[in-house]
Protein backbone atom coordinates (compact mmCIF):
# COMPACT_ATOMS: atom_id res chain seq x y z
CA MET A 1 -2.90 -15.49 21.72
CA ARG A 2 -5.68 -17.37 23.48
CA ALA A 3 -9.09 -18.22 22.10
CA LYS A 4 -12.29 -19.31 23.79
CA PHE A 5 -14.35 -21.85 21.90
CA SER A 6 -18.11 -21.74 22.17
CA ASP A 7 -18.46 -25.50 21.72
CA GLN A 8 -16.36 -28.64 21.35
CA ASN A 9 -10.82 -31.27 15.94
CA VAL A 10 -8.47 -29.23 18.22
CA SER A 11 -7.77 -30.70 21.63
CA ARG A 12 -9.23 -28.69 24.49
CA PHE A 13 -9.65 -30.16 27.94
CA ALA A 14 -8.72 -33.78 28.73
CA GLY A 15 -9.92 -35.36 25.51
CA ASP A 16 -12.62 -32.91 24.41
CA TYR A 17 -12.49 -31.92 20.74
CA LEU A 18 -13.81 -29.04 18.74
CA HIS A 19 -15.74 -30.36 15.73
CA TRP A 20 -15.25 -27.91 12.89
CA GLU A 21 -17.19 -29.74 10.18
CA GLY A 22 -20.84 -29.21 9.33
CA GLN A 23 -21.64 -26.65 12.03
CA GLU A 24 -20.80 -23.05 12.76
CA GLN A 25 -18.23 -22.47 15.48
CA ASP A 26 -17.86 -19.07 17.11
CA ILE A 27 -14.32 -18.46 18.36
CA TYR A 28 -13.78 -15.48 20.63
CA PHE A 29 -10.33 -13.92 21.08
CA PRO A 30 -10.49 -12.10 24.45
CA ASP A 31 -7.26 -10.13 23.91
CA SER A 32 -8.77 -8.31 20.92
CA GLY A 33 -12.49 -8.76 21.58
CA VAL A 34 -12.91 -10.25 18.09
CA THR A 35 -15.13 -13.20 17.21
CA VAL A 36 -14.58 -15.38 14.14
CA GLN A 37 -17.27 -17.73 12.85
CA THR A 38 -16.13 -20.87 11.03
CA HIS A 39 -18.24 -22.61 8.38
CA ILE A 40 -16.36 -25.78 7.42
CA ASP A 41 -18.23 -28.11 5.04
CA GLY A 42 -19.58 -31.33 6.55
CA ASN A 43 -17.52 -33.53 4.21
CA ALA A 44 -14.31 -31.46 4.37
CA GLN A 45 -12.37 -34.21 6.19
CA SER A 46 -12.57 -36.38 3.05
CA ARG A 47 -10.95 -33.72 0.85
CA GLY A 48 -7.33 -33.64 -0.23
CA PHE A 49 -4.57 -31.39 1.06
CA GLY A 50 -5.09 -27.84 -0.22
CA ASP A 51 -8.69 -28.40 -1.34
CA TYR A 52 -11.35 -25.81 -0.47
CA ALA A 53 -13.01 -26.76 2.84
CA GLY A 54 -15.32 -23.83 3.66
CA TYR A 55 -14.95 -20.32 5.01
CA ALA A 56 -14.56 -18.22 8.12
CA TYR A 57 -16.27 -14.90 8.75
CA ARG A 58 -15.28 -12.01 11.02
CA PRO A 59 -18.51 -10.08 11.83
CA ALA A 60 -16.68 -7.05 13.28
CA ASP A 61 -15.60 -5.90 9.81
CA GLY A 62 -17.43 -8.28 7.46
CA LYS A 63 -14.21 -9.98 6.30
CA THR A 64 -14.55 -13.48 4.82
CA PHE A 65 -11.64 -15.95 4.66
CA ASN A 66 -11.44 -19.04 2.43
CA CYS A 67 -10.46 -22.21 4.32
CA TYR A 68 -8.49 -25.15 2.94
CA LYS A 69 -7.71 -28.71 4.04
CA ASP A 70 -4.35 -29.11 5.76
CA ASN A 71 -2.33 -32.30 6.27
CA SER A 72 -2.75 -32.67 10.07
CA ARG A 73 0.75 -31.39 10.73
CA THR A 74 1.64 -30.84 14.38
CA LEU A 75 1.71 -27.17 15.35
CA PHE A 76 2.90 -27.74 18.91
CA ASP A 77 3.12 -30.42 21.59
CA TRP A 78 3.52 -29.29 25.21
CA ASP A 79 4.35 -31.79 27.92
CA PRO A 80 3.23 -31.04 31.49
CA PRO A 81 3.37 -28.74 33.21
CA VAL A 82 1.51 -26.60 30.70
CA PRO A 83 0.64 -22.87 30.99
CA ASP A 84 -2.71 -23.47 32.69
CA GLY A 85 -0.98 -25.51 35.41
CA THR A 86 -2.71 -28.82 34.65
CA VAL A 87 -0.96 -32.16 34.33
CA HIS A 88 -2.38 -32.78 30.84
CA SER A 89 -0.30 -32.46 27.69
CA ILE A 90 -1.49 -30.08 24.99
CA LEU A 91 -1.26 -31.28 21.40
CA CYS A 92 -2.35 -28.99 18.59
CA TRP A 93 -2.41 -29.96 14.94
CA SER A 94 -3.68 -28.24 11.83
CA ILE A 95 -6.69 -29.69 10.04
CA TYR A 96 -7.62 -26.53 8.09
CA TRP A 97 -6.13 -23.12 7.43
CA CYS A 98 -7.94 -19.96 6.39
CA VAL A 99 -6.68 -16.96 4.43
């Protein structure tokens, strides 16, 4: 599953980061045509593992998900060559999870 981010802590392109905290992020999933809006609290990084961090909202059906602080565990680490053909590694770790 691929997602397109409308703005910029998940690694994107050569050192760019998506800042989840304190601002809405709209994430579009082109395979399904669904957008999810994240609303992570501005001070969520200072919270403990498992603490409430904010919410995510799926406008298509009005579903709201509660989001919690994760422990920065690595989800995957791809060494080059990566699927997009670039020579950059892709490292993805979990800062929050939403259910």
